[in-house]
Every structure is written in C-alpha cells, then in structure tokens.
C-alpha cells in the first residue's frame, strides 16, 4: 500500500487529461518546469550565502 503501479498512474493521467484537456496540459507542464527551475536557482543562490555566514562566525 502506498506505492503507485502502472495502472494507477495511467488512471490518474487519464483523469487529468479529461479535466484539463489536451491544450491545457502543455501550459501546466511549462509552468511546473519554470517553477522547478526557479526553485533550483534560488536554492543554488542560497547555499553560498550560508557558507559566507558560517565563515564570518569563525
């Protein structure tokens, strides 16, 4: 229980296709991709700032 099999994933994808239609899905994926890209950039920018703060406290 808790693991998704191939059948469950296909059912979920079919429901999403029915709800949003074929034209909306590429727009949703584009938005999701850009959100993930922004998150990675923010996380990458945040790491050097944390390293500098740790060096300053030493």
Protein backbone atom coordinates (compact mmCIF):
# COMPACT_ATOMS: atom_id res chain seq x y z
CA UNK A 1 0.00 0.00 0.00
CA UNK A 2 1.27 3.48 -0.77
CA UNK A 3 3.07 2.55 -3.98
CA UNK A 4 1.61 3.53 -7.32
CA UNK A 5 1.64 0.94 -10.04
CA UNK A 6 1.44 1.44 -13.78
CA UNK A 7 -2.33 1.03 -13.80
CA UNK A 8 -2.87 3.69 -11.14
CA UNK A 9 -0.58 6.15 -12.90
CA UNK A 10 -2.42 5.63 -16.19
CA UNK A 11 -5.79 6.19 -14.49
CA UNK A 12 -4.53 9.40 -12.89
CA UNK A 13 -3.18 10.64 -16.22
CA UNK A 14 -6.49 9.85 -17.94
CA UNK A 15 -8.42 11.81 -15.29
CA UNK A 16 -6.05 14.78 -15.64
CA UNK A 17 -6.49 14.68 -19.42
CA UNK A 18 -10.27 14.66 -19.05
CA UNK A 19 -10.27 17.52 -16.53
CA UNK A 20 -7.86 19.88 -18.24
CA UNK A 21 -7.99 18.85 -21.89
CA UNK A 22 -5.14 18.41 -24.33
CA UNK A 23 -4.44 22.13 -24.80
CA UNK A 24 -4.03 22.99 -21.11
CA UNK A 25 -1.58 20.20 -20.20
CA UNK A 26 1.46 21.69 -22.05
CA UNK A 27 0.78 25.03 -20.36
CA UNK A 28 0.62 23.35 -16.96
CA UNK A 29 3.87 21.44 -17.57
CA UNK A 30 5.60 24.61 -18.77
CA UNK A 31 4.56 26.40 -15.58
CA UNK A 32 5.67 23.46 -13.45
CA UNK A 33 9.04 23.31 -15.22
CA UNK A 34 9.70 27.02 -14.79
CA UNK A 35 8.73 26.78 -11.12
CA UNK A 36 11.18 23.94 -10.55
CA UNK A 37 13.89 25.89 -12.41
CA UNK A 38 13.32 28.96 -10.23
CA UNK A 39 13.41 26.82 -7.09
CA UNK A 40 16.74 25.26 -8.11
CA UNK A 41 18.22 28.67 -8.88
CA UNK A 42 17.06 30.04 -5.54
CA UNK A 43 18.48 27.03 -3.69
CA UNK A 44 21.77 27.38 -5.57
CA UNK A 45 21.95 31.11 -4.76
CA UNK A 46 21.15 30.46 -1.10
CA UNK A 47 23.98 27.99 -0.48
CA UNK A 48 26.93 30.41 -0.97
CA UNK A 49 25.22 32.92 1.31
CA UNK A 50 25.03 30.30 4.07
CA UNK A 51 28.70 29.38 3.57
CA UNK A 52 29.76 33.02 3.88
CA UNK A 53 27.80 33.44 7.11
CA UNK A 54 29.44 30.36 8.61
CA UNK A 55 32.91 31.62 7.68
CA UNK A 56 32.21 35.02 9.23
CA UNK A 57 31.22 33.48 12.56
CA UNK A 58 34.53 31.58 12.83
